[in-house]
Amino acid sequence: MEEEKYIVALEVGSSKIKGAVGVVDPAGTLTVKAVEEEKLVDSVRYGCVRNVAEVSRAIRAIIDRLELRESPRKIEGVYLAVGGRSLLSSVIDVERRLPTEMEITGEMIDDIFSEALSQPLHERAVIDVTPREFRVNGSPANRPVGNYGSSIVASLNLISCRAQLINNLRLVVEDRLHLKIRDVFVRQLIEGDLVLSNDEKRLGCMLVDFGAETTTVSIYKNGALQYLQTIPLGSRNITIDITSLNHLEERAEELKISGGNALTGADSAQNPTAAFSGSDFTEINHYVAARAGEIIANINEQMNVAGFKPETLPAGIIVVGQGARLNGFNRRLEKMTKTKVRVGMPGGRIRLADSHIQPGDAVDVISLLAAASRDAAECTSRPAVQQPVIMEQPEVVPEVAATVVEEPAARKSQPTQPVQPVQPVQPVQQPVAPSFGYEPVKPRPEQQSEPKEEPKPKPKPKTPGLGTRILNSFRDRISDLFTEPDEDE
C-alpha cells in the first residue's frame, strides 16, 4: 500500500524567503500543512542571491521551524522555484522529416523537446521548454501524437535565466545547507497552472506577477504560453520613492501598505487606514501613483510587444504577488489597459491544514507544492523509533540433580588466602603402655611438627603390624624423655 509523501517547497524572493511543507496522499491530493517565511534586505536582488551567508541563515531558520512543526521528521530535500530579472522566453523551431507517412508517437515528441533543451546558450541556463504550436504536414495540430504525416514542425518556448542564478542557489542549498534539490521550476509557469483555468488559457489571458523588484508578464492563447518577459520594476520601487520623504525603508513600507493608493488624485481622506498612522498621505500618494502608473504602462507595453490587443485576450488580466495588494493598483490597471482584472487564487483542489495560511499571499509557494505533487519525491526522513529493549529473565527451574554453585563475580575478583588442605583424622587405637608410677608426658608441638624421620603414609587401620610399630615409636619417645636432662631438677 502506498504511503503519504512529504514534499518541501522553497521560494527565494527579493524581499523574503518562503518555505512550505505539503503532504500528497496516494490519490494525488495535496494538503498544505505549514508555511514559514523570513524577510530579507538586499541579500537577494532581482531574484539572484547576492549574500550567500545571510540567505543560508534565513533558509536554515525556515527549515528548523518546519521540522519543529513536523517533528520527528527531518528535511533532506527541497523543490525550488526560480524567477527574476534575467528570466525570459525565446522561440525555437524544431523540424522532423520522416521517411514515409507514419503515425506520430510520443517518443518523437519527447525527442524534439530533448533537442530543444540541449540548445547551447551563452551564460544562460535552460530551465524549461513549453510548446507553442505543432504542425503536421503543414497543418496545425494541437495534439500531434496519433496524427499521420511525414513532417513535424514544433514551435517551442525556450525559457532560460542567467547561469549565475542557478549556481548561487545550488551553492546555498546543496553546499552550505546540505539539502538535496529535487527539481527546479519556473515560478511564472507553475503559478499559471495553479490560478488559471483551461478556458482562460484557450480564450487568451495575461498573468502578471507583481513582485518586490520585478514584474513578470506571461500571455496565454489557444491553451499554450505565447510570451514571457520580466520587467525590472516592482513594489519596492514605490517604497524607495517614499524614503525620499525622510523615512527609513521599513517605515516607508508600512506607510505604503497602510495608506498608499495607486489611483491618481488619492489623498488621506480617501484612505481610512491613514488616520491610524498619523501621517499625511497626500504627498506620499503622489509618489505611489506616479510609480504605479509607470509599472502599469510597462505591463501594457508588453501586450503590444507580444502582438496582442485587449480584444484578443478576452479572459483579461490575472494578478498575483505581494504588489497586487497595493490599494487601487488593480483598478488603475483595469482602467489603463481597458481589460478586466482579477486577483489570482489557488484552485479548490488544494487543501489547507492551517487556518493561518493566507492563500492569496502564498500563491508562489503553494503553486510550487502543487507542481511538485505531480511527481512527488519524498523530501523528509523519519528516524526509526528506538524501542526499549526488555531483557527477558529465563525461568528458573529447580533441578533435581545437585548443581555446582559458582562463586559470585565480586568475590571472584578478590584475592583469596591459600587454604591449608585438611587431612582426614583417622582413629588410632593406642595400646596401653606399662605404668611406671607416673603420667606419660605428651610430646611437644615442635617435636610433633618436625619428626626425625619422615613419616611414611599411614596405612589403613586394619593393616597387620600397625600396633607393633606404634608401640615401638611410643617407647622411643619415652626413652628420650628419660635421657634428656631436666633443667628444673
Protein backbone atom coordinates (compact mmCIF):
# COMPACT_ATOMS: atom_id res chain seq x y z
CA MET A 1 0.00 0.00 0.00
CA GLU A 2 1.34 3.43 -0.93
CA GLU A 3 2.06 5.88 1.84
CA GLU A 4 1.75 9.64 2.05
CA LYS A 5 4.70 11.63 0.74
CA TYR A 6 6.01 14.78 2.37
CA ILE A 7 7.26 17.44 -0.05
CA VAL A 8 9.05 20.69 0.82
CA ALA A 9 8.99 23.85 -1.31
CA LEU A 10 11.44 26.76 -1.08
CA GLU A 11 10.83 30.06 -2.87
CA VAL A 12 13.67 32.60 -2.72
CA GLY A 13 12.35 36.08 -3.44
CA SER A 14 13.87 39.53 -3.37
CA SER A 15 12.11 40.66 -0.18
CA LYS A 16 11.53 37.35 1.64
CA ILE A 17 12.08 33.62 1.54
CA LYS A 18 9.15 31.25 1.92
CA GLY A 19 9.14 27.59 2.80
CA ALA A 20 6.21 25.18 2.90
CA VAL A 21 5.50 21.54 3.70
CA GLY A 22 2.79 19.58 1.93
CA VAL A 23 1.52 16.02 2.04
CA VAL A 24 0.45 14.08 -1.06
CA ASP A 25 -1.85 11.12 -0.40
CA PRO A 26 -1.97 8.02 -2.62
CA ALA A 27 -4.85 9.59 -4.61
CA GLY A 28 -2.63 12.60 -5.51
CA THR A 29 -4.45 15.15 -3.32
CA LEU A 30 -2.21 17.88 -1.89
CA THR A 31 -2.62 19.19 1.65
CA VAL A 32 -0.56 22.25 2.62
CA LYS A 33 0.42 21.72 6.26
CA ALA A 34 2.69 24.67 7.08
CA VAL A 35 4.11 27.86 5.55
CA GLU A 36 7.02 29.82 7.04
CA GLU A 37 8.85 32.94 5.82
CA GLU A 38 11.88 35.11 6.59
CA LYS A 39 12.30 38.71 5.47
CA LEU A 40 15.43 39.82 3.63
CA VAL A 41 17.09 43.17 2.96
CA ASP A 42 19.48 43.45 0.00
CA SER A 43 20.52 39.77 0.26
CA VAL A 44 18.66 38.85 -2.95
CA ARG A 45 18.49 41.35 -5.79
CA TYR A 46 16.22 40.87 -8.79
CA GLY A 47 15.82 37.18 -7.98
CA CYS A 48 19.57 36.42 -7.75
CA VAL A 49 21.28 35.54 -4.45
CA ARG A 50 23.94 38.10 -3.51
CA ASN A 51 24.70 37.44 0.16
CA VAL A 52 25.17 33.69 0.41
CA ALA A 53 25.72 33.66 4.19
CA GLU A 54 22.61 35.70 5.00
CA VAL A 55 20.40 33.68 2.67
CA SER A 56 21.74 30.44 4.16
CA ARG A 57 20.89 31.67 7.65
CA ALA A 58 17.34 32.61 6.62
CA ILE A 59 16.72 29.27 4.90
CA ARG A 60 18.09 27.36 7.89
CA ALA A 61 15.71 29.24 10.19
CA ILE A 62 12.77 28.30 7.95
CA ILE A 63 13.84 24.65 7.75
CA ASP A 64 14.23 24.45 11.54
CA ARG A 65 10.73 25.82 12.12
CA LEU A 66 9.20 23.47 9.56
CA GLU A 67 10.98 20.50 11.15
CA LEU A 68 9.73 21.57 14.55
CA ARG A 69 6.15 21.58 13.27
CA GLU A 70 6.58 18.20 11.61
CA SER A 71 8.69 16.56 14.32
CA PRO A 72 10.25 13.97 14.34
CA ARG A 73 10.66 14.25 10.56
CA LYS A 74 13.89 15.72 9.18
CA ILE A 75 14.02 17.65 5.89
CA GLU A 76 16.57 16.27 3.44
CA GLY A 77 15.43 17.67 0.08
CA VAL A 78 13.55 20.65 -1.37
CA TYR A 79 11.89 21.82 -4.57
CA LEU A 80 12.94 25.25 -5.85
CA ALA A 81 11.26 27.92 -7.97
CA VAL A 82 13.27 30.46 -9.95
CA GLY A 83 12.37 33.82 -11.39
CA GLY A 84 13.87 37.27 -11.55
CA ARG A 85 15.03 39.89 -13.99
CA SER A 86 17.03 37.51 -16.19
CA LEU A 87 14.09 35.15 -16.78
CA LEU A 88 12.73 35.26 -20.33
CA SER A 89 11.46 33.03 -23.14
CA SER A 90 12.72 32.71 -26.68
CA VAL A 91 11.06 30.92 -29.58
CA ILE A 92 12.78 27.98 -31.23
CA ASP A 93 11.53 25.82 -34.13
CA VAL A 94 12.44 22.14 -34.40
CA GLU A 95 11.59 20.17 -37.57
CA ARG A 96 11.47 16.43 -38.17
CA ARG A 97 11.32 14.83 -41.65
CA LEU A 98 10.01 11.25 -41.68
CA PRO A 99 10.86 8.73 -44.45
CA THR A 100 7.20 7.91 -45.13
CA GLU A 101 3.75 8.69 -43.86
CA MET A 102 3.56 7.24 -40.38
CA GLU A 103 1.91 7.75 -37.03
CA ILE A 104 3.36 10.44 -34.76
CA THR A 105 4.35 8.83 -31.45
CA GLY A 106 5.12 10.22 -28.04
CA GLU A 107 8.77 9.20 -28.41
CA MET A 108 9.10 11.51 -31.41
CA ILE A 109 7.72 14.47 -29.46
CA ASP A 110 9.99 13.71 -26.50
CA ASP A 111 12.97 13.65 -28.85
CA ILE A 112 12.01 17.11 -30.14
CA PHE A 113 11.85 18.50 -26.60
CA SER A 114 15.21 16.92 -25.72
CA GLU A 115 16.82 18.61 -28.70
CA ALA A 116 15.42 21.97 -27.61
CA LEU A 117 16.69 21.52 -24.05
CA SER A 118 20.21 20.79 -25.31
CA GLN A 119 20.45 24.09 -27.20
CA PRO A 120 23.61 25.92 -26.06
CA LEU A 121 23.08 29.45 -24.76
CA HIS A 122 25.83 31.87 -23.81
CA GLU A 123 26.00 32.26 -20.00
CA ARG A 124 22.38 31.19 -19.68
CA ALA A 125 20.76 28.04 -18.32
CA VAL A 126 17.68 26.49 -19.93
CA ILE A 127 15.14 25.70 -17.22
CA ASP A 128 12.11 24.53 -19.16
CA VAL A 129 10.63 24.11 -22.62
CA THR A 130 6.93 24.66 -23.34
CA PRO A 131 5.06 24.13 -26.62
CA ARG A 132 3.58 26.99 -28.63
CA GLU A 133 2.34 25.26 -31.78
CA PHE A 134 2.69 21.96 -33.64
CA ARG A 135 2.24 21.43 -37.39
CA VAL A 136 1.92 18.05 -39.08
CA ASN A 137 2.35 18.21 -42.88
CA GLY A 138 1.91 21.99 -42.60
CA SER A 139 -1.44 21.86 -40.76
CA PRO A 140 -1.89 22.96 -37.11
CA ALA A 141 -2.22 20.08 -34.65
CA ASN A 142 -2.85 20.83 -31.01
CA ARG A 143 -2.33 17.14 -30.20
CA PRO A 144 0.25 15.80 -32.63
CA VAL A 145 0.51 12.33 -31.05
CA GLY A 146 -1.66 9.95 -33.08
CA ASN A 147 -1.67 12.00 -36.29
CA TYR A 148 -0.30 10.61 -39.58
CA GLY A 149 2.26 12.59 -41.51
CA SER A 150 5.74 12.77 -42.99
CA SER A 151 6.88 16.03 -41.32
CA ILE A 152 6.56 17.66 -37.90
CA VAL A 153 7.36 21.28 -37.10
CA ALA A 154 7.32 22.26 -33.42
CA SER A 155 7.38 25.88 -32.29
CA LEU A 156 8.63 25.90 -28.67
CA ASN A 157 9.30 28.39 -25.88
CA LEU A 158 12.82 28.05 -24.55
CA ILE A 159 12.72 29.51 -21.02
CA SER A 160 16.11 30.43 -19.59
CA CYS A 161 17.84 32.58 -16.99
CA ARG A 162 21.37 33.59 -16.11
CA ALA A 163 23.52 30.62 -15.13
CA GLN A 164 24.72 32.50 -12.02
CA LEU A 165 21.18 32.48 -10.62
CA ILE A 166 21.09 28.65 -10.62
CA ASN A 167 24.70 28.31 -9.44
CA ASN A 168 24.16 30.56 -6.41
CA LEU A 169 21.04 28.65 -5.41
CA ARG A 170 22.93 25.37 -5.57
CA LEU A 171 25.79 26.89 -3.56
CA VAL A 172 23.39 27.85 -0.77
CA VAL A 173 21.09 24.82 -0.71
CA GLU A 174 23.41 21.94 -1.52
CA ASP A 175 26.88 23.08 -0.49
CA ARG A 176 26.06 25.07 2.64
CA LEU A 177 22.82 23.54 3.91
CA HIS A 178 23.43 20.01 2.53
CA LEU A 179 19.89 19.69 1.18
CA LYS A 180 19.12 17.78 -1.99
CA ILE A 181 17.47 19.80 -4.79
CA ARG A 182 14.72 17.53 -6.08
CA ASP A 183 13.76 19.73 -9.04
CA VAL A 184 13.68 23.35 -10.24
CA PHE A 185 10.55 25.01 -11.69
CA VAL A 186 9.84 28.33 -13.38
CA ARG A 187 7.72 30.31 -10.91
CA GLN A 188 5.63 32.06 -13.55
CA LEU A 189 4.67 28.78 -15.24
CA ILE A 190 3.60 26.95 -12.10
CA GLU A 191 1.63 29.98 -10.91
CA GLY A 192 -0.21 29.95 -14.23
CA ASP A 193 -1.04 26.26 -13.81
CA LEU A 194 -2.44 26.98 -10.33
CA VAL A 195 -4.53 30.14 -10.79
CA LEU A 196 -5.52 29.98 -14.47
CA SER A 197 -8.27 27.75 -15.82
CA ASN A 198 -8.01 25.87 -19.10
CA ASP A 199 -10.74 28.04 -20.57
CA GLU A 200 -8.82 31.22 -19.75
CA LYS A 201 -5.70 29.83 -21.42
CA ARG A 202 -7.67 28.89 -24.53
CA LEU A 203 -9.52 32.21 -24.81
CA GLY A 204 -6.46 34.30 -24.12
CA CYS A 205 -5.29 35.97 -20.92
CA MET A 206 -2.35 37.72 -19.30
CA LEU A 207 -0.81 36.65 -15.99
CA VAL A 208 1.01 39.42 -14.09
CA ASP A 209 3.30 38.51 -11.17
CA PHE A 210 3.77 41.83 -9.36
CA GLY A 211 6.76 41.17 -7.10
CA ALA A 212 9.08 43.24 -4.95
CA GLU A 213 11.75 44.09 -7.53
CA THR A 214 10.44 42.53 -10.74
CA THR A 215 7.14 42.18 -12.57
CA THR A 216 6.78 39.16 -14.85
CA VAL A 217 4.23 39.10 -17.67
CA SER A 218 3.12 35.92 -19.44
CA ILE A 219 0.48 35.68 -22.14
CA TYR A 220 -1.55 32.56 -22.97
CA LYS A 221 -3.56 31.87 -26.12
CA ASN A 222 -5.05 28.69 -27.59
CA GLY A 223 -4.16 26.81 -24.44
CA ALA A 224 -0.39 27.47 -24.64
CA LEU A 225 2.13 30.02 -23.44
CA GLN A 226 2.86 32.55 -26.17
CA TYR A 227 5.04 35.13 -24.44
CA LEU A 228 7.02 35.61 -21.21
CA GLN A 229 9.06 38.64 -20.17
CA THR A 230 10.31 40.17 -16.91
CA ILE A 231 10.22 43.91 -16.18
CA PRO A 232 12.87 45.19 -13.71
CA LEU A 233 10.31 47.18 -11.71
CA GLY A 234 8.36 46.16 -8.63
CA SER A 235 6.60 47.31 -5.49
CA ARG A 236 9.91 48.04 -3.78
CA ASN A 237 10.49 50.88 -6.22
CA ILE A 238 7.43 52.57 -4.69
CA THR A 239 8.86 52.06 -1.20
CA ILE A 240 12.21 53.60 -2.18
CA ASP A 241 10.40 56.61 -3.65
CA ILE A 242 8.67 57.19 -0.28
CA THR A 243 12.06 57.16 1.51
CA SER A 244 12.82 60.47 -0.23
CA LEU A 245 10.37 62.00 2.29
CA ASN A 246 12.90 61.30 5.07
CA HIS A 247 11.58 57.86 6.03
CA LEU A 248 13.54 54.68 6.61
CA GLU A 249 12.74 51.87 4.20
CA GLU A 250 10.95 49.84 6.87
CA ARG A 251 8.75 52.81 7.75
CA ALA A 252 8.16 53.63 4.10
CA GLU A 253 6.96 50.06 3.51
CA GLU A 254 4.49 50.39 6.38
CA LEU A 255 3.16 53.67 5.02
CA LYS A 256 2.75 52.20 1.53
CA ILE A 257 0.74 49.24 2.83
CA SER A 258 -1.35 51.12 5.38
CA GLY A 259 -2.38 54.18 3.37
CA GLY A 260 -0.81 54.13 -0.08
CA ASN A 261 -3.10 54.45 -3.10
CA ALA A 262 -2.17 53.87 -6.73
CA LEU A 263 -5.06 55.93 -8.07
CA THR A 264 -4.28 59.45 -9.20
CA GLY A 265 -5.63 62.20 -7.00
CA ALA A 266 -5.89 59.96 -3.94
CA ASP A 267 -5.36 61.70 -0.61
CA SER A 268 -5.61 60.85 3.07
CA ALA A 269 -9.36 61.48 3.14
CA GLN A 270 -9.90 58.56 0.73
CA ASN A 271 -7.84 56.19 2.90
CA PRO A 272 -9.49 55.32 6.23
CA THR A 273 -6.41 53.48 7.43
CA ALA A 274 -4.31 56.63 7.09
CA ALA A 275 -5.77 58.13 10.26
CA PHE A 276 -4.18 55.39 12.40
CA SER A 277 -0.65 56.13 11.20
CA GLY A 278 -0.81 59.84 11.94
CA SER A 279 0.76 60.75 8.58
CA ASP A 280 -0.39 62.96 5.74
CA PHE A 281 -0.68 60.71 2.68
CA THR A 282 -1.27 63.46 0.15
CA GLU A 283 2.40 63.81 -0.72
CA ILE A 284 3.08 60.10 -0.21
CA ASN A 285 0.42 59.11 -2.71
CA HIS A 286 1.90 61.41 -5.33
CA TYR A 287 4.92 59.11 -5.33
CA VAL A 288 2.80 55.95 -5.11
CA ALA A 289 0.55 56.93 -8.02
CA ALA A 290 3.46 58.07 -10.21
CA ARG A 291 5.47 54.86 -9.81
CA ALA A 292 2.40 52.60 -10.09
CA GLY A 293 1.48 54.35 -13.36
CA GLU A 294 4.96 53.64 -14.73
CA ILE A 295 4.72 49.92 -13.85
CA ILE A 296 1.28 49.62 -15.43
CA ALA A 297 2.50 51.38 -18.60
CA ASN A 298 5.28 48.78 -18.94
CA ILE A 299 2.79 45.94 -18.45
CA ASN A 300 0.59 47.35 -21.18
CA GLU A 301 3.57 47.73 -23.49
CA GLN A 302 4.42 44.02 -23.15
CA MET A 303 0.99 43.22 -24.57
CA ASN A 304 1.81 45.31 -27.64
CA VAL A 305 5.30 43.80 -28.00
CA ALA A 306 3.80 40.30 -28.00
CA GLY A 307 1.40 41.33 -30.75
CA PHE A 308 -1.82 41.15 -28.73
CA LYS A 309 -4.59 43.61 -28.03
CA PRO A 310 -7.18 43.72 -25.26
CA GLU A 311 -9.86 42.28 -27.54
CA THR A 312 -7.63 39.27 -28.35
CA LEU A 313 -7.34 38.48 -24.63
CA PRO A 314 -10.98 38.22 -23.58
CA ALA A 315 -10.19 36.36 -20.35
CA GLY A 316 -8.48 39.53 -19.08
CA ILE A 317 -5.57 40.02 -16.68
CA ILE A 318 -4.92 37.90 -13.58
CA VAL A 319 -2.65 39.48 -10.96
CA VAL A 320 -0.65 37.64 -8.28
CA GLY A 321 2.16 38.68 -5.94
CA GLN A 322 2.57 40.95 -2.94
CA GLY A 323 2.41 44.07 -5.10
CA ALA A 324 -1.17 43.23 -6.07
CA ARG A 325 -2.22 44.12 -2.50
CA LEU A 326 -1.46 47.80 -3.11
CA ASN A 327 -4.66 49.78 -2.72
CA GLY A 328 -6.08 50.96 -6.07
CA PHE A 329 -3.48 49.17 -8.23
CA ASN A 330 -5.87 46.66 -9.85
CA ARG A 331 -8.47 49.33 -10.56
CA ARG A 332 -5.89 51.53 -12.23
CA LEU A 333 -4.51 48.56 -14.20
CA GLU A 334 -8.00 47.81 -15.48
CA LYS A 335 -8.51 51.45 -16.46
CA MET A 336 -5.22 51.85 -18.30
CA THR A 337 -5.28 48.51 -20.17
CA LYS A 338 -9.03 48.56 -20.83
CA THR A 339 -9.13 44.91 -19.75
CA LYS A 340 -10.90 43.27 -16.84
CA VAL A 341 -8.63 42.37 -13.92
CA ARG A 342 -8.97 39.80 -11.13
CA VAL A 343 -6.72 38.52 -8.33
CA GLY A 344 -5.35 35.00 -8.81
CA MET A 345 -6.15 32.49 -6.07
CA PRO A 346 -5.35 28.78 -5.66
CA GLY A 347 -7.96 26.39 -7.01
CA GLY A 348 -10.29 24.29 -4.91
CA ARG A 349 -8.20 21.14 -5.34
CA ILE A 350 -5.68 22.41 -2.76
CA ARG A 351 -6.35 21.72 0.92
CA LEU A 352 -5.05 23.97 3.69
CA ALA A 353 -4.42 22.27 7.02
CA ASP A 354 -3.56 25.53 8.83
CA SER A 355 -6.16 28.29 9.05
CA HIS A 356 -3.40 30.92 9.39
CA ILE A 357 -2.24 30.33 5.80
CA GLN A 358 -3.45 33.14 3.53
CA PRO A 359 -3.88 31.63 0.03
CA GLY A 360 -3.55 34.99 -1.74
CA ASP A 361 -0.24 35.77 -0.03
CA ALA A 362 1.24 32.29 -0.50
CA VAL A 363 0.34 31.66 -4.16
CA ASP A 364 4.01 31.34 -5.13
CA VAL A 365 4.99 28.65 -2.61
CA ILE A 366 1.64 26.81 -2.85
CA SER A 367 2.00 26.65 -6.64
CA LEU A 368 5.44 25.11 -6.15
CA LEU A 369 3.97 22.42 -3.90
CA ALA A 370 1.24 21.78 -6.46
CA ALA A 371 3.80 21.36 -9.26
CA ALA A 372 5.95 19.02 -7.15
CA SER A 373 2.93 16.90 -6.18
CA ARG A 374 2.51 15.64 -9.77
CA ASP A 375 5.63 13.53 -9.49
CA ALA A 376 6.30 13.82 -5.79
CA ALA A 377 9.60 12.64 -4.37
CA GLU A 378 9.91 12.23 -0.62
CA CYS A 379 11.72 15.23 0.91
CA THR A 380 11.80 14.15 4.55
CA SER A 381 13.01 11.22 6.58
CA ARG A 382 11.60 9.86 9.77
CA PRO A 383 14.12 8.43 12.23
CA ALA A 384 13.45 4.92 13.38
CA VAL A 385 11.78 4.78 16.78
CA GLN A 386 14.06 3.20 19.32
CA GLN A 387 12.04 0.54 21.08
CA PRO A 388 13.06 -0.13 24.69
CA VAL A 389 14.97 -3.38 24.96
CA ILE A 390 13.39 -5.68 27.54
CA MET A 391 15.67 -8.43 28.77
CA GLU A 392 13.60 -11.47 29.48
CA GLN A 393 14.78 -13.30 32.55
CA PRO A 394 15.00 -17.04 31.96
CA GLU A 395 12.60 -19.03 34.04
CA VAL A 396 14.46 -20.75 36.87
CA VAL A 397 13.50 -24.40 37.03
CA PRO A 398 14.71 -26.26 40.10
CA GLU A 399 16.95 -29.09 39.11
CA VAL A 400 16.72 -32.45 40.74
CA ALA A 401 20.36 -33.23 40.41
CA ALA A 402 22.92 -31.41 42.50
CA THR A 403 24.27 -28.29 40.87
CA VAL A 404 27.56 -26.57 41.33
CA VAL A 405 27.03 -23.06 42.69
CA GLU A 406 29.54 -20.69 41.21
CA GLU A 407 31.12 -18.08 43.36
CA PRO A 408 29.81 -14.52 42.77
CA ALA A 409 31.89 -12.35 40.41
CA ALA A 410 32.53 -9.78 43.12
CA ARG A 411 34.01 -12.45 45.35
CA LYS A 412 35.96 -13.99 42.48
CA SER A 413 37.75 -10.73 41.85
CA GLN A 414 39.11 -10.56 45.44
CA PRO A 415 42.37 -12.40 46.19
CA THR A 416 41.79 -15.40 48.40
CA GLN A 417 44.03 -16.71 51.15
CA PRO A 418 45.57 -20.11 50.48
CA VAL A 419 43.62 -22.77 52.29
CA GLN A 420 45.58 -25.50 54.03
CA PRO A 421 44.36 -28.87 52.96
CA VAL A 422 42.60 -30.66 55.78
CA GLN A 423 43.85 -34.14 56.39
CA PRO A 424 41.18 -36.56 57.41
CA VAL A 425 41.58 -37.72 61.01
CA GLN A 426 41.65 -41.42 61.33
CA PRO A 427 41.01 -43.13 64.62
CA VAL A 428 44.14 -44.69 66.16
CA GLN A 429 43.89 -47.35 68.78
CA GLN A 430 46.80 -46.72 71.14
CA PRO A 431 47.97 -49.69 73.21
CA VAL A 432 48.07 -49.36 76.92
CA ALA A 433 51.63 -48.55 77.97
CA PRO A 434 53.10 -50.16 81.09
CA SER A 435 52.73 -47.99 84.14
CA PHE A 436 55.93 -46.89 85.97
CA GLY A 437 54.20 -44.76 88.56
CA TYR A 438 53.89 -41.52 86.61
CA GLU A 439 51.72 -39.96 83.96
CA PRO A 440 53.08 -40.11 80.48
CA VAL A 441 54.15 -36.71 79.14
CA LYS A 442 52.60 -35.53 75.86
CA PRO A 443 55.05 -34.75 73.09
CA ARG A 444 55.88 -31.07 72.38
CA PRO A 445 54.49 -29.39 69.29
CA GLU A 446 57.95 -28.85 67.84
CA GLN A 447 58.69 -32.45 68.05
CA GLN A 448 55.34 -33.34 66.61
CA SER A 449 55.70 -30.95 63.69
CA GLU A 450 59.30 -31.88 62.99
CA PRO A 451 59.72 -35.60 63.28
CA LYS A 452 63.15 -37.02 62.97
CA GLU A 453 62.15 -39.43 60.38
CA GLU A 454 59.86 -38.54 57.59
CA PRO A 455 56.72 -40.44 58.36
CA LYS A 456 55.52 -42.92 55.92
CA PRO A 457 51.97 -42.81 54.63
CA LYS A 458 49.68 -44.04 57.27
CA PRO A 459 48.41 -47.45 56.49
CA LYS A 460 44.87 -48.41 56.77
CA PRO A 461 43.73 -49.17 60.31
CA LYS A 462 43.28 -52.85 59.73
CA THR A 463 46.76 -53.40 58.23
CA PRO A 464 48.69 -56.14 60.11
CA GLY A 465 51.67 -54.89 62.27
CA LEU A 466 50.28 -51.43 62.92
CA GLY A 467 50.10 -51.79 66.72
CA THR A 468 53.68 -53.02 66.94
CA ARG A 469 55.05 -50.01 65.08
CA ILE A 470 53.08 -47.53 67.16
CA LEU A 471 54.24 -49.22 70.40
CA ASN A 472 57.88 -49.05 69.35
CA SER A 473 57.60 -45.38 68.42
CA PHE A 474 56.00 -44.62 71.75
CA ARG A 475 58.79 -46.42 73.64
CA ASP A 476 61.45 -44.45 71.76
CA ARG A 477 59.83 -41.14 72.78
CA ILE A 478 59.67 -42.27 76.42
CA SER A 479 63.33 -43.25 76.43
CA ASP A 480 64.26 -39.87 75.00
CA LEU A 481 62.49 -38.14 77.83
CA PHE A 482 64.46 -40.10 80.41
CA THR A 483 67.80 -39.46 78.81
CA GLU A 484 67.34 -35.64 78.32
CA PRO A 485 68.42 -33.55 81.37
CA ASP A 486 65.68 -31.80 83.23
CA GLU A 487 66.52 -28.14 83.93
CA ASP A 488 64.08 -27.89 86.82
CA GLU A 489 65.84 -30.71 88.64
